[in-house]
C-alpha cells in the first residue's frame, strides 16, 4: 500500500463511546459557541485524551447532533468546529481513524434547516477532480491517491462563503522542510439550499505553505 495518502489505510479499532447524554462536559479546548449563542460544540469526555463530539443547545445538556461517528479516540480531542457568521452553517474539521504513520484530516459541512442540522455534500469528490486536473501525474499512481491528506475549513468570510484548505502530501516526492507537495486555498460559495461550488482556486507557493504550517 502506498504511504502517499492515509485515507485508505487500515482503520484503527473503535474505542469505547458514551451516549450523547452521559457526563456532558465542556472543556475550554473542546467548546465553541455559535455566533448567535444558540448552539455549542462540545466534546463528551470518556477517557484520557478522548471525547465524543457533538452539537448541543447552548447552556444545556441536550445534544442535537452527534459527530462521534466521524472521529473517535485521541483524535477526537483535536477536532474543531468553524461557524458561519449567521450560525446557519459550520465546518467540522476532524481526523478519521487512520494508520499511525500517515496523515489524514478532513472536513464535513453542515447546515441548519427547520432547527435540524443536516450534512451537506462532502468536499472530497470535488477535490479529487481538482487533483486530477492540476497535480502532476507522476505524483499519483491510482485514483485513491488523489484524495487529499488534509482538508480543513479555515474561515467563513460571510454566511455564504467558506475558505477551504486542501493539501496533498506525497512523501516520496517531498522534503522534510516542505512536506506538502501541493496545497490550495479554495473559495466555496453556498446557495440557500446548501449546495456549493468552488468559485476560486489559489495554489499556495512554498513560502505560503511554510507560513501556513506555522499558523496551523
N, C-alpha and C. Protein backbone atom coordinates (compact mmCIF):
# COMPACT_ATOMS: atom_id res chain seq x y z
N UNK A 1 0.85 -1.21 0.00
CA UNK A 1 0.00 0.00 0.00
C UNK A 1 0.88 1.25 0.00
N UNK A 2 0.56 2.18 -0.83
CA UNK A 2 1.36 3.40 -0.91
C UNK A 2 1.19 4.24 0.34
N UNK A 3 2.31 4.89 0.84
CA UNK A 3 2.19 5.76 2.01
C UNK A 3 1.75 7.15 1.65
N UNK A 4 1.44 7.42 0.36
CA UNK A 4 1.19 8.80 -0.06
C UNK A 4 -0.04 9.37 0.63
N UNK A 5 -1.12 8.64 0.65
CA UNK A 5 -2.36 9.16 1.22
C UNK A 5 -2.83 8.23 2.30
N UNK A 6 -3.20 8.79 3.47
CA UNK A 6 -3.59 7.97 4.59
C UNK A 6 -5.03 7.56 4.59
N UNK A 7 -5.83 8.03 3.63
CA UNK A 7 -7.26 7.79 3.70
C UNK A 7 -7.62 6.33 3.61
N UNK A 8 -6.89 5.55 2.77
CA UNK A 8 -7.29 4.18 2.54
C UNK A 8 -6.40 3.19 3.28
N UNK A 9 -5.78 3.65 4.38
CA UNK A 9 -5.02 2.75 5.23
C UNK A 9 -5.98 2.01 6.15
N UNK A 10 -5.44 1.00 6.84
CA UNK A 10 -6.28 0.24 7.75
C UNK A 10 -6.83 1.14 8.83
N UNK A 11 -8.11 1.03 9.12
CA UNK A 11 -8.73 1.81 10.19
C UNK A 11 -8.31 1.28 11.54
N UNK A 12 -8.27 2.17 12.52
CA UNK A 12 -7.97 1.77 13.88
C UNK A 12 -9.23 1.23 14.53
N UNK A 13 -9.06 0.38 15.51
CA UNK A 13 -10.21 -0.17 16.23
C UNK A 13 -10.93 0.95 16.95
N UNK A 14 -12.26 0.90 16.93
CA UNK A 14 -13.04 1.93 17.57
C UNK A 14 -12.95 1.78 19.08
N UNK A 15 -12.77 2.92 19.76
CA UNK A 15 -12.70 2.90 21.22
C UNK A 15 -14.09 2.94 21.83
N UNK A 16 -14.12 2.81 23.12
CA UNK A 16 -15.39 2.85 23.84
C UNK A 16 -16.01 4.23 23.68
N UNK A 17 -17.34 4.29 23.48
CA UNK A 17 -18.04 5.55 23.31
C UNK A 17 -19.11 5.72 24.36
N UNK A 18 -19.40 6.98 24.67
CA UNK A 18 -20.50 7.28 25.56
C UNK A 18 -21.69 7.73 24.74
N UNK A 19 -22.88 7.60 25.30
CA UNK A 19 -24.04 8.18 24.66
C UNK A 19 -23.98 9.68 24.82
N UNK A 20 -24.69 10.40 23.96
CA UNK A 20 -24.59 11.85 23.93
C UNK A 20 -25.08 12.50 25.21
N UNK A 21 -25.86 11.81 26.02
CA UNK A 21 -26.43 12.43 27.20
C UNK A 21 -25.63 12.14 28.47
N UNK A 22 -24.56 11.35 28.39
CA UNK A 22 -23.84 10.94 29.58
C UNK A 22 -22.63 11.82 29.84
N UNK A 23 -22.53 12.28 31.09
CA UNK A 23 -21.34 13.01 31.56
C UNK A 23 -20.93 14.10 30.59
N UNK A 24 -21.84 14.96 30.26
CA UNK A 24 -21.56 16.02 29.30
C UNK A 24 -20.68 17.07 29.95
N UNK A 25 -19.52 17.29 29.37
CA UNK A 25 -18.60 18.30 29.87
C UNK A 25 -18.27 19.26 28.74
N UNK A 26 -17.71 20.38 29.10
CA UNK A 26 -17.39 21.38 28.10
C UNK A 26 -16.03 22.00 28.40
N UNK A 27 -14.93 21.25 28.18
CA UNK A 27 -13.62 21.82 28.42
C UNK A 27 -13.36 22.98 27.46
N UNK A 28 -12.61 23.99 27.88
CA UNK A 28 -12.40 25.17 27.04
C UNK A 28 -11.88 24.82 25.65
N UNK A 29 -10.97 23.82 25.57
CA UNK A 29 -10.40 23.50 24.27
C UNK A 29 -11.37 22.72 23.38
N UNK A 30 -12.48 22.22 23.94
CA UNK A 30 -13.40 21.43 23.15
C UNK A 30 -14.74 22.08 22.92
N UNK A 31 -14.86 23.36 23.25
CA UNK A 31 -16.15 24.03 23.15
C UNK A 31 -16.08 25.18 22.15
N UNK A 32 -17.16 25.40 21.45
CA UNK A 32 -17.24 26.50 20.50
C UNK A 32 -18.69 26.92 20.36
N UNK A 33 -19.02 28.09 20.84
CA UNK A 33 -20.39 28.59 20.80
C UNK A 33 -20.64 29.33 19.49
N UNK A 34 -21.78 29.08 18.88
CA UNK A 34 -22.13 29.73 17.62
C UNK A 34 -22.27 31.24 17.83
N UNK A 35 -22.09 32.02 16.77
CA UNK A 35 -22.20 33.48 16.90
C UNK A 35 -23.52 33.96 17.47
N UNK A 36 -24.63 33.24 17.20
CA UNK A 36 -25.92 33.68 17.74
C UNK A 36 -26.18 33.15 19.15
N UNK A 37 -25.18 32.41 19.71
CA UNK A 37 -25.24 31.90 21.09
C UNK A 37 -26.30 30.81 21.30
N UNK A 38 -26.83 30.24 20.22
CA UNK A 38 -27.87 29.22 20.36
C UNK A 38 -27.31 27.80 20.39
N UNK A 39 -26.13 27.62 19.80
CA UNK A 39 -25.57 26.28 19.66
C UNK A 39 -24.15 26.24 20.22
N UNK A 40 -23.77 25.05 20.64
CA UNK A 40 -22.45 24.90 21.22
C UNK A 40 -21.84 23.55 20.82
N UNK A 41 -20.61 23.62 20.35
CA UNK A 41 -19.87 22.39 20.07
C UNK A 41 -19.23 21.91 21.37
N UNK A 42 -19.51 20.65 21.73
CA UNK A 42 -18.95 20.09 22.94
C UNK A 42 -18.37 18.72 22.65
N UNK A 43 -17.38 18.35 23.45
CA UNK A 43 -16.82 17.01 23.37
C UNK A 43 -17.07 16.31 24.70
N UNK A 44 -17.70 15.16 24.64
CA UNK A 44 -18.08 14.42 25.84
C UNK A 44 -16.92 13.52 26.23
N UNK A 45 -16.28 13.84 27.31
CA UNK A 45 -15.09 13.11 27.71
C UNK A 45 -15.43 11.70 28.20
N UNK A 46 -14.72 10.70 27.66
CA UNK A 46 -14.95 9.33 28.11
C UNK A 46 -13.66 8.57 28.39
N UNK A 47 -12.54 9.24 28.30
CA UNK A 47 -11.26 8.61 28.59
C UNK A 47 -10.14 9.61 28.43
N UNK A 48 -8.94 9.27 28.88
CA UNK A 48 -7.80 10.19 28.76
C UNK A 48 -7.56 10.62 27.32
N UNK A 49 -7.72 11.91 27.05
CA UNK A 49 -7.49 12.44 25.72
C UNK A 49 -8.55 12.11 24.70
N UNK A 50 -9.64 11.49 25.12
CA UNK A 50 -10.68 11.08 24.18
C UNK A 50 -12.03 11.67 24.57
N UNK A 51 -12.82 12.06 23.59
CA UNK A 51 -14.15 12.61 23.84
C UNK A 51 -15.03 12.38 22.62
N UNK A 52 -16.34 12.39 22.84
CA UNK A 52 -17.30 12.22 21.76
C UNK A 52 -17.87 13.58 21.38
N UNK A 53 -17.60 14.09 20.18
CA UNK A 53 -18.03 15.43 19.79
C UNK A 53 -19.49 15.49 19.38
N UNK A 54 -20.10 16.65 19.60
CA UNK A 54 -21.48 16.86 19.19
C UNK A 54 -21.89 18.31 19.31
N UNK A 55 -23.01 18.64 18.71
CA UNK A 55 -23.59 19.98 18.80
C UNK A 55 -24.76 19.93 19.79
N UNK A 56 -24.74 20.83 20.76
CA UNK A 56 -25.79 20.89 21.79
C UNK A 56 -26.46 22.25 21.75
N UNK A 57 -27.65 22.31 22.29
CA UNK A 57 -28.26 23.61 22.52
C UNK A 57 -27.45 24.30 23.60
N UNK A 58 -27.03 25.52 23.34
CA UNK A 58 -26.14 26.22 24.25
C UNK A 58 -26.73 26.31 25.64
N UNK A 59 -25.88 26.06 26.63
CA UNK A 59 -26.30 26.17 28.02
C UNK A 59 -27.09 24.99 28.53
N UNK A 60 -27.23 23.93 27.72
CA UNK A 60 -27.98 22.75 28.12
C UNK A 60 -27.15 21.50 27.88
N UNK A 61 -27.67 20.35 28.30
CA UNK A 61 -27.04 19.08 28.03
C UNK A 61 -27.71 18.34 26.88
N UNK A 62 -28.55 19.04 26.12
CA UNK A 62 -29.29 18.42 25.03
C UNK A 62 -28.45 18.44 23.75
N UNK A 63 -27.91 17.29 23.41
CA UNK A 63 -27.13 17.15 22.18
C UNK A 63 -28.07 16.89 21.01
N UNK A 64 -28.00 17.73 20.00
CA UNK A 64 -28.91 17.63 18.86
C UNK A 64 -28.24 17.02 17.63
N UNK A 65 -26.92 16.94 17.64
CA UNK A 65 -26.20 16.36 16.51
C UNK A 65 -24.96 15.64 17.02
N UNK A 66 -24.93 14.32 16.88
CA UNK A 66 -23.75 13.54 17.24
C UNK A 66 -22.74 13.59 16.09
N UNK A 67 -21.50 13.87 16.43
CA UNK A 67 -20.44 13.88 15.44
C UNK A 67 -19.43 12.76 15.69
N UNK A 68 -19.70 11.92 16.68
CA UNK A 68 -18.73 10.90 17.04
C UNK A 68 -18.66 9.75 16.04
N UNK A 69 -19.56 9.72 15.05
CA UNK A 69 -19.45 8.70 14.02
C UNK A 69 -18.29 9.00 13.08
N UNK A 70 -17.81 10.24 13.11
CA UNK A 70 -16.74 10.66 12.21
C UNK A 70 -15.36 10.52 12.83
N UNK A 71 -15.26 10.63 14.15
CA UNK A 71 -13.96 10.66 14.80
C UNK A 71 -14.09 10.02 16.18
N UNK A 72 -13.03 9.37 16.63
CA UNK A 72 -13.04 8.75 17.95
C UNK A 72 -11.62 8.65 18.47
N UNK A 73 -11.50 8.22 19.73
CA UNK A 73 -10.18 8.05 20.32
C UNK A 73 -9.49 9.37 20.56
N UNK A 74 -8.17 9.34 20.62
CA UNK A 74 -7.40 10.54 20.95
C UNK A 74 -7.52 11.62 19.89
N UNK A 75 -7.86 11.25 18.64
CA UNK A 75 -8.02 12.24 17.59
C UNK A 75 -9.21 13.17 17.86
N UNK A 76 -10.18 12.69 18.65
CA UNK A 76 -11.40 13.47 18.87
C UNK A 76 -11.14 14.77 19.60
N UNK A 77 -10.14 14.78 20.47
CA UNK A 77 -9.88 15.99 21.25
C UNK A 77 -9.31 17.12 20.40
N UNK A 78 -8.84 16.80 19.19
CA UNK A 78 -8.27 17.82 18.32
C UNK A 78 -9.27 18.31 17.27
N UNK A 79 -10.47 17.71 17.23
CA UNK A 79 -11.47 18.15 16.26
C UNK A 79 -11.97 19.54 16.62
N UNK A 80 -12.49 20.27 15.64
CA UNK A 80 -12.96 21.63 15.89
C UNK A 80 -14.09 21.99 14.94
N UNK A 81 -14.89 22.95 15.36
CA UNK A 81 -15.98 23.48 14.55
C UNK A 81 -15.66 24.92 14.17
N UNK A 82 -15.93 25.26 12.90
CA UNK A 82 -15.76 26.64 12.43
C UNK A 82 -17.13 27.11 11.97
N UNK A 83 -17.70 28.10 12.68
CA UNK A 83 -19.07 28.56 12.43
C UNK A 83 -19.13 29.62 11.34
N UNK A 84 -20.18 29.56 10.54
CA UNK A 84 -20.51 30.68 9.64
C UNK A 84 -21.03 31.83 10.50
N UNK A 85 -20.86 33.07 10.08
CA UNK A 85 -21.25 34.21 10.91
C UNK A 85 -22.72 34.30 11.24
N UNK A 86 -23.59 33.66 10.43
CA UNK A 86 -25.02 33.70 10.73
C UNK A 86 -25.48 32.48 11.52
N UNK A 87 -24.52 31.60 11.88
CA UNK A 87 -24.80 30.41 12.69
C UNK A 87 -25.68 29.38 11.98
N UNK A 88 -25.86 29.49 10.67
CA UNK A 88 -26.70 28.56 9.93
C UNK A 88 -25.89 27.43 9.29
N UNK A 89 -24.57 27.55 9.30
CA UNK A 89 -23.71 26.51 8.76
C UNK A 89 -22.45 26.41 9.61
N UNK A 90 -21.80 25.26 9.53
CA UNK A 90 -20.49 25.14 10.15
C UNK A 90 -19.67 24.08 9.44
N UNK A 91 -18.37 24.19 9.58
CA UNK A 91 -17.46 23.17 9.09
C UNK A 91 -16.90 22.42 10.27
N UNK A 92 -16.85 21.10 10.17
CA UNK A 92 -16.31 20.25 11.23
C UNK A 92 -14.98 19.66 10.75
N UNK A 93 -13.90 20.10 11.34
CA UNK A 93 -12.56 19.63 10.99
C UNK A 93 -12.17 18.49 11.94
N UNK A 94 -11.82 17.35 11.38
CA UNK A 94 -11.53 16.20 12.22
C UNK A 94 -10.60 15.23 11.50
N UNK A 95 -10.10 14.27 12.24
CA UNK A 95 -9.22 13.25 11.68
C UNK A 95 -9.84 11.89 11.90
N UNK A 96 -10.34 11.23 10.84
CA UNK A 96 -10.94 9.90 10.98
C UNK A 96 -9.88 8.86 11.36
N UNK A 97 -10.31 7.65 11.74
CA UNK A 97 -9.34 6.59 12.03
C UNK A 97 -8.43 6.35 10.84
N UNK A 98 -7.12 6.25 11.10
CA UNK A 98 -6.15 6.01 10.04
C UNK A 98 -4.89 5.41 10.65
N UNK A 99 -4.01 4.90 9.82
CA UNK A 99 -2.77 4.29 10.29
C UNK A 99 -1.89 5.34 10.98
N UNK A 100 -1.15 4.91 11.99
CA UNK A 100 -0.36 5.84 12.80
C UNK A 100 0.68 6.60 12.00
N UNK A 101 1.25 5.98 10.98
CA UNK A 101 2.35 6.62 10.26
C UNK A 101 1.86 7.54 9.15
N UNK A 102 0.56 7.76 9.04
CA UNK A 102 0.01 8.59 7.98
C UNK A 102 -0.66 9.84 8.55
N UNK A 103 -0.94 10.78 7.66
CA UNK A 103 -1.70 11.97 8.00
C UNK A 103 -3.00 11.96 7.21
N UNK A 104 -4.10 12.11 7.91
CA UNK A 104 -5.40 12.20 7.22
C UNK A 104 -6.33 13.07 8.05
N UNK A 105 -6.58 14.27 7.55
CA UNK A 105 -7.50 15.20 8.19
C UNK A 105 -8.50 15.66 7.14
N UNK A 106 -9.76 15.71 7.51
CA UNK A 106 -10.78 16.08 6.54
C UNK A 106 -11.82 16.97 7.21
N UNK A 107 -12.84 17.34 6.45
CA UNK A 107 -13.86 18.26 6.96
C UNK A 107 -15.23 17.85 6.45
N UNK A 108 -16.23 18.06 7.28
CA UNK A 108 -17.63 17.86 6.90
C UNK A 108 -18.35 19.19 7.03
N UNK A 109 -19.37 19.38 6.20
CA UNK A 109 -20.13 20.63 6.18
C UNK A 109 -21.56 20.36 6.62
N UNK A 110 -22.12 21.27 7.41
CA UNK A 110 -23.47 21.11 7.93
C UNK A 110 -24.24 22.41 7.77
N UNK A 111 -25.58 22.27 7.61
CA UNK A 111 -26.47 23.42 7.51
C UNK A 111 -27.71 23.18 8.36
N UNK A 112 -28.21 24.25 8.96
CA UNK A 112 -29.41 24.19 9.79
C UNK A 112 -30.65 24.40 8.94
N UNK A 113 -31.58 23.42 9.03
CA UNK A 113 -32.86 23.53 8.33
C UNK A 113 -33.96 23.18 9.32
N UNK A 114 -34.90 24.11 9.54
CA UNK A 114 -36.02 23.87 10.45
C UNK A 114 -35.53 23.37 11.80
N UNK A 115 -34.50 24.03 12.32
CA UNK A 115 -33.92 23.70 13.62
C UNK A 115 -33.30 22.31 13.67
N UNK A 116 -32.94 21.76 12.51
CA UNK A 116 -32.28 20.46 12.46
C UNK A 116 -31.02 20.58 11.60
N UNK A 117 -29.90 20.04 12.14
CA UNK A 117 -28.64 20.10 11.42
C UNK A 117 -28.56 18.96 10.41
N UNK A 118 -28.24 19.29 9.15
CA UNK A 118 -28.15 18.30 8.09
C UNK A 118 -26.77 18.35 7.44
N UNK A 119 -26.30 17.18 7.03
CA UNK A 119 -25.00 17.08 6.37
C UNK A 119 -25.09 17.56 4.93
N UNK A 120 -24.13 18.37 4.51
CA UNK A 120 -24.06 18.83 3.13
C UNK A 120 -23.08 17.95 2.35
N UNK A 121 -23.04 18.17 1.05
CA UNK A 121 -22.15 17.40 0.19
C UNK A 121 -20.70 17.51 0.65
N UNK A 122 -20.02 16.39 0.68
CA UNK A 122 -18.62 16.35 1.11
C UNK A 122 -17.73 17.05 0.09
N UNK A 123 -16.70 17.76 0.54
CA UNK A 123 -15.79 18.40 -0.41
C UNK A 123 -14.87 17.43 -1.14
N UNK A 124 -14.70 16.21 -0.63
CA UNK A 124 -13.64 15.35 -1.15
C UNK A 124 -13.80 14.99 -2.62
N UNK A 125 -15.04 14.75 -3.10
CA UNK A 125 -15.22 14.40 -4.50
C UNK A 125 -14.72 15.51 -5.42
N UNK A 126 -15.05 16.75 -5.05
CA UNK A 126 -14.61 17.89 -5.83
C UNK A 126 -13.09 18.03 -5.80
N UNK A 127 -12.49 17.70 -4.66
CA UNK A 127 -11.05 17.82 -4.52
C UNK A 127 -10.31 16.75 -5.32
N UNK A 128 -10.90 15.59 -5.44
CA UNK A 128 -10.31 14.55 -6.29
C UNK A 128 -10.28 15.01 -7.74
N UNK A 129 -11.36 15.65 -8.20
CA UNK A 129 -11.39 16.20 -9.56
C UNK A 129 -10.31 17.26 -9.74
N UNK A 130 -10.16 18.11 -8.71
CA UNK A 130 -9.15 19.16 -8.78
C UNK A 130 -7.75 18.54 -8.88
N UNK A 131 -7.50 17.51 -8.11
CA UNK A 131 -6.19 16.87 -8.14
C UNK A 131 -5.92 16.26 -9.51
N UNK A 132 -6.93 15.63 -10.08
CA UNK A 132 -6.76 15.00 -11.40
C UNK A 132 -6.41 16.05 -12.47
N UNK A 133 -6.97 17.25 -12.32
CA UNK A 133 -6.74 18.31 -13.29
C UNK A 133 -5.40 19.02 -13.10
N UNK A 134 -5.02 19.24 -11.85
CA UNK A 134 -3.94 20.17 -11.56
C UNK A 134 -2.65 19.54 -11.08
N UNK A 135 -2.69 18.37 -10.46
CA UNK A 135 -1.46 17.78 -9.94
C UNK A 135 -0.72 17.01 -11.02
N UNK A 136 0.61 17.07 -11.01
CA UNK A 136 1.37 16.27 -11.99
C UNK A 136 1.05 14.79 -11.85
N UNK A 137 0.90 14.12 -12.98
CA UNK A 137 0.51 12.71 -12.95
C UNK A 137 1.54 11.84 -12.26
N UNK A 138 2.79 12.27 -12.21
CA UNK A 138 3.81 11.46 -11.56
C UNK A 138 3.62 11.40 -10.05
N UNK A 139 2.77 12.29 -9.50
CA UNK A 139 2.57 12.32 -8.05
C UNK A 139 1.54 11.32 -7.58
N UNK A 140 0.85 10.67 -8.51
CA UNK A 140 -0.15 9.69 -8.09
C UNK A 140 -0.21 8.53 -9.07
N UNK A 141 -0.34 7.36 -8.52
CA UNK A 141 -0.38 6.15 -9.34
C UNK A 141 -1.78 5.58 -9.45
N UNK A 142 -2.67 6.01 -8.57
CA UNK A 142 -4.03 5.47 -8.58
C UNK A 142 -5.01 6.56 -8.19
N UNK A 143 -6.29 6.30 -8.41
CA UNK A 143 -7.32 7.26 -8.06
C UNK A 143 -7.38 7.50 -6.55
N UNK A 144 -7.07 6.46 -5.77
CA UNK A 144 -7.08 6.60 -4.32
C UNK A 144 -6.12 7.69 -3.85
N UNK A 145 -5.02 7.83 -4.53
CA UNK A 145 -4.00 8.78 -4.12
C UNK A 145 -4.36 10.21 -4.47
N UNK A 146 -5.47 10.40 -5.18
CA UNK A 146 -5.94 11.75 -5.47
C UNK A 146 -6.69 12.36 -4.30
N UNK A 147 -7.08 11.55 -3.34
CA UNK A 147 -7.78 12.06 -2.16
C UNK A 147 -6.80 12.85 -1.32
N UNK A 148 -7.11 14.09 -0.94
CA UNK A 148 -6.15 14.90 -0.20
C UNK A 148 -5.92 14.36 1.21
N UNK A 149 -4.70 14.58 1.71
CA UNK A 149 -4.35 14.19 3.07
C UNK A 149 -4.92 15.16 4.09
N UNK A 150 -5.08 16.41 3.69
CA UNK A 150 -5.55 17.44 4.62
C UNK A 150 -6.66 18.25 3.95
N UNK A 151 -7.81 18.29 4.58
CA UNK A 151 -8.91 19.18 4.18
C UNK A 151 -9.36 19.91 5.44
N UNK A 152 -9.44 21.22 5.37
CA UNK A 152 -9.76 22.00 6.58
C UNK A 152 -10.54 23.25 6.22
N UNK A 153 -11.67 23.46 6.89
CA UNK A 153 -12.40 24.73 6.76
C UNK A 153 -11.66 25.75 7.62
N UNK A 154 -11.12 26.78 6.98
CA UNK A 154 -10.31 27.75 7.71
C UNK A 154 -11.14 28.94 8.20
N UNK A 155 -12.13 29.37 7.40
CA UNK A 155 -12.88 30.56 7.80
C UNK A 155 -14.14 30.69 6.97
N UNK A 156 -15.05 31.56 7.44
CA UNK A 156 -16.25 31.95 6.70
C UNK A 156 -16.23 33.48 6.55
N UNK A 157 -15.78 33.99 5.41
CA UNK A 157 -15.77 35.44 5.20
C UNK A 157 -17.16 36.06 5.32
N UNK A 158 -18.18 35.28 4.90
CA UNK A 158 -19.57 35.70 5.09
C UNK A 158 -20.43 34.44 5.19
N UNK A 159 -21.72 34.62 5.38
CA UNK A 159 -22.61 33.49 5.65
C UNK A 159 -22.65 32.47 4.52
N UNK A 160 -22.39 32.91 3.29
CA UNK A 160 -22.49 32.01 2.15
C UNK A 160 -21.16 31.65 1.52
N UNK A 161 -20.06 31.93 2.21
CA UNK A 161 -18.74 31.70 1.65
C UNK A 161 -17.82 31.05 2.67
N UNK A 162 -17.17 29.96 2.28
CA UNK A 162 -16.20 29.28 3.15
C UNK A 162 -14.86 29.18 2.43
N UNK A 163 -13.78 29.31 3.20
CA UNK A 163 -12.44 29.14 2.68
C UNK A 163 -11.93 27.77 3.14
N UNK A 164 -11.54 26.95 2.18
CA UNK A 164 -11.15 25.57 2.44
C UNK A 164 -9.69 25.36 2.07
N UNK A 165 -8.93 24.78 2.97
CA UNK A 165 -7.56 24.38 2.68
C UNK A 165 -7.56 22.92 2.27
N UNK A 166 -6.87 22.61 1.18
CA UNK A 166 -6.72 21.23 0.74
C UNK A 166 -5.26 21.00 0.37
N UNK A 167 -4.70 19.91 0.89
CA UNK A 167 -3.28 19.65 0.65
C UNK A 167 -3.03 18.17 0.39
N UNK A 168 -2.10 17.92 -0.53
CA UNK A 168 -1.68 16.57 -0.86
C UNK A 168 -0.23 16.41 -0.42
N UNK A 169 0.06 15.29 0.18
CA UNK A 169 1.34 15.09 0.84
C UNK A 169 2.03 13.83 0.32
N UNK A 170 2.46 13.84 -0.92
CA UNK A 170 3.16 12.66 -1.45
C UNK A 170 4.58 12.59 -0.91
N UNK A 171 4.79 11.81 0.12
CA UNK A 171 6.06 11.79 0.84
C UNK A 171 7.25 11.47 -0.04
N UNK A 172 7.07 10.60 -1.01
CA UNK A 172 8.24 10.17 -1.78
C UNK A 172 8.77 11.26 -2.70
N UNK A 173 8.03 12.35 -2.85
CA UNK A 173 8.49 13.46 -3.67
C UNK A 173 8.75 14.73 -2.87
N UNK A 174 8.72 14.63 -1.53
CA UNK A 174 8.78 15.84 -0.72
C UNK A 174 10.02 15.85 0.17
N UNK A 175 10.30 17.03 0.70
CA UNK A 175 11.41 17.19 1.62
C UNK A 175 10.88 17.42 3.02
N UNK A 176 11.76 17.28 4.02
CA UNK A 176 11.33 17.47 5.40
C UNK A 176 10.94 18.93 5.66
N UNK A 177 11.60 19.87 4.98
CA UNK A 177 11.31 21.28 5.20
C UNK A 177 10.01 21.72 4.53
N UNK A 178 9.60 20.99 3.50
CA UNK A 178 8.38 21.35 2.79
C UNK A 178 7.59 20.08 2.48
N UNK A 179 6.90 19.52 3.49
CA UNK A 179 6.28 18.22 3.32
C UNK A 179 5.02 18.22 2.44
N UNK A 180 4.42 19.38 2.20
CA UNK A 180 3.20 19.43 1.40
C UNK A 180 3.57 19.71 -0.05
N UNK A 181 3.41 18.72 -0.92
CA UNK A 181 3.80 18.91 -2.31
C UNK A 181 2.85 19.82 -3.06
N UNK A 182 1.59 19.83 -2.66
CA UNK A 182 0.61 20.69 -3.32
C UNK A 182 -0.45 21.09 -2.31
N UNK A 183 -0.75 22.37 -2.28
CA UNK A 183 -1.78 22.86 -1.35
C UNK A 183 -2.54 23.99 -2.02
N UNK A 184 -3.85 24.01 -1.79
CA UNK A 184 -4.73 25.00 -2.39
C UNK A 184 -5.61 25.64 -1.33
N UNK A 185 -5.91 26.90 -1.50
CA UNK A 185 -7.00 27.54 -0.79
C UNK A 185 -8.15 27.69 -1.77
N UNK A 186 -9.29 27.13 -1.42
CA UNK A 186 -10.45 27.14 -2.30
C UNK A 186 -11.56 27.97 -1.67
N UNK A 187 -12.23 28.75 -2.48
CA UNK A 187 -13.38 29.53 -2.02
C UNK A 187 -14.65 28.81 -2.45
N UNK A 188 -15.45 28.41 -1.46
CA UNK A 188 -16.72 27.72 -1.71
C UNK A 188 -17.87 28.70 -1.55
N UNK A 189 -18.77 28.72 -2.51
CA UNK A 189 -19.94 29.59 -2.45
C UNK A 189 -21.19 28.72 -2.30
N UNK A 190 -22.04 29.05 -1.30
CA UNK A 190 -23.23 28.27 -0.99
C UNK A 190 -24.49 28.99 -1.45
N UNK A 191 -25.49 28.19 -1.90
CA UNK A 191 -26.80 28.78 -2.15
C UNK A 191 -27.69 28.50 -0.94
N UNK A 192 -28.94 28.92 -1.00
CA UNK A 192 -29.83 28.79 0.16
C UNK A 192 -30.08 27.34 0.56
N UNK A 193 -29.99 26.42 -0.41
CA UNK A 193 -30.25 25.01 -0.13
C UNK A 193 -29.03 24.28 0.42
N UNK A 194 -27.90 24.98 0.47
CA UNK A 194 -26.68 24.36 0.96
C UNK A 194 -25.82 23.74 -0.13
N UNK A 195 -26.29 23.81 -1.37
CA UNK A 195 -25.44 23.38 -2.49
C UNK A 195 -24.30 24.39 -2.64
N UNK A 196 -23.13 23.90 -2.96
CA UNK A 196 -21.98 24.79 -3.07
C UNK A 196 -21.17 24.47 -4.32
N UNK A 197 -20.36 25.43 -4.73
CA UNK A 197 -19.43 25.23 -5.83
C UNK A 197 -18.16 26.01 -5.54
N UNK A 198 -17.07 25.56 -6.12
CA UNK A 198 -15.79 26.24 -5.97
C UNK A 198 -15.74 27.40 -6.95
N UNK A 199 -15.60 28.61 -6.43
CA UNK A 199 -15.59 29.79 -7.30
C UNK A 199 -14.19 30.39 -7.43
N UNK A 200 -13.24 29.92 -6.61
CA UNK A 200 -11.88 30.45 -6.70
C UNK A 200 -10.91 29.39 -6.22
N UNK A 201 -9.79 29.26 -6.94
CA UNK A 201 -8.74 28.31 -6.58
C UNK A 201 -7.41 29.05 -6.53
N UNK A 202 -6.71 28.89 -5.44
CA UNK A 202 -5.40 29.52 -5.31
C UNK A 202 -4.40 28.47 -4.85
N UNK A 203 -3.43 28.17 -5.71
CA UNK A 203 -2.38 27.22 -5.32
C UNK A 203 -1.33 27.95 -4.50
N UNK A 204 -1.01 27.40 -3.36
CA UNK A 204 -0.08 28.05 -2.45
C UNK A 204 1.36 27.83 -2.91
N UNK A 205 2.16 28.88 -2.77
CA UNK A 205 3.58 28.78 -3.05
C UNK A 205 4.28 28.09 -1.87
N UNK A 206 5.55 27.75 -2.04
CA UNK A 206 6.30 27.11 -0.96
C UNK A 206 6.35 28.02 0.27
N UNK A 207 6.53 29.32 0.07
CA UNK A 207 6.57 30.24 1.21
C UNK A 207 5.22 30.31 1.91
N UNK A 208 4.15 30.29 1.13
CA UNK A 208 2.82 30.31 1.73
C UNK A 208 2.54 29.02 2.51
N UNK A 209 3.01 27.90 1.99
CA UNK A 209 2.85 26.62 2.69
C UNK A 209 3.60 26.63 4.02
N UNK A 210 4.83 27.14 3.99
CA UNK A 210 5.63 27.23 5.23
C UNK A 210 4.93 28.12 6.26
N UNK A 211 4.41 29.25 5.80
CA UNK A 211 3.70 30.15 6.72
C UNK A 211 2.45 29.48 7.28
N UNK A 212 1.75 28.76 6.41
CA UNK A 212 0.53 28.07 6.84
C UNK A 212 0.86 27.03 7.89
N UNK A 213 2.01 26.35 7.72
CA UNK A 213 2.42 25.35 8.68
C UNK A 213 2.66 25.92 10.07
N UNK A 214 3.18 27.12 10.15
CA UNK A 214 3.42 27.74 11.45
C UNK A 214 2.11 28.21 12.07
N UNK A 215 1.12 28.57 11.25
CA UNK A 215 -0.16 29.05 11.78
C UNK A 215 -1.02 27.90 12.26
N UNK A 216 -0.99 26.76 11.56
CA UNK A 216 -1.83 25.62 11.88
C UNK A 216 -1.13 24.63 12.81
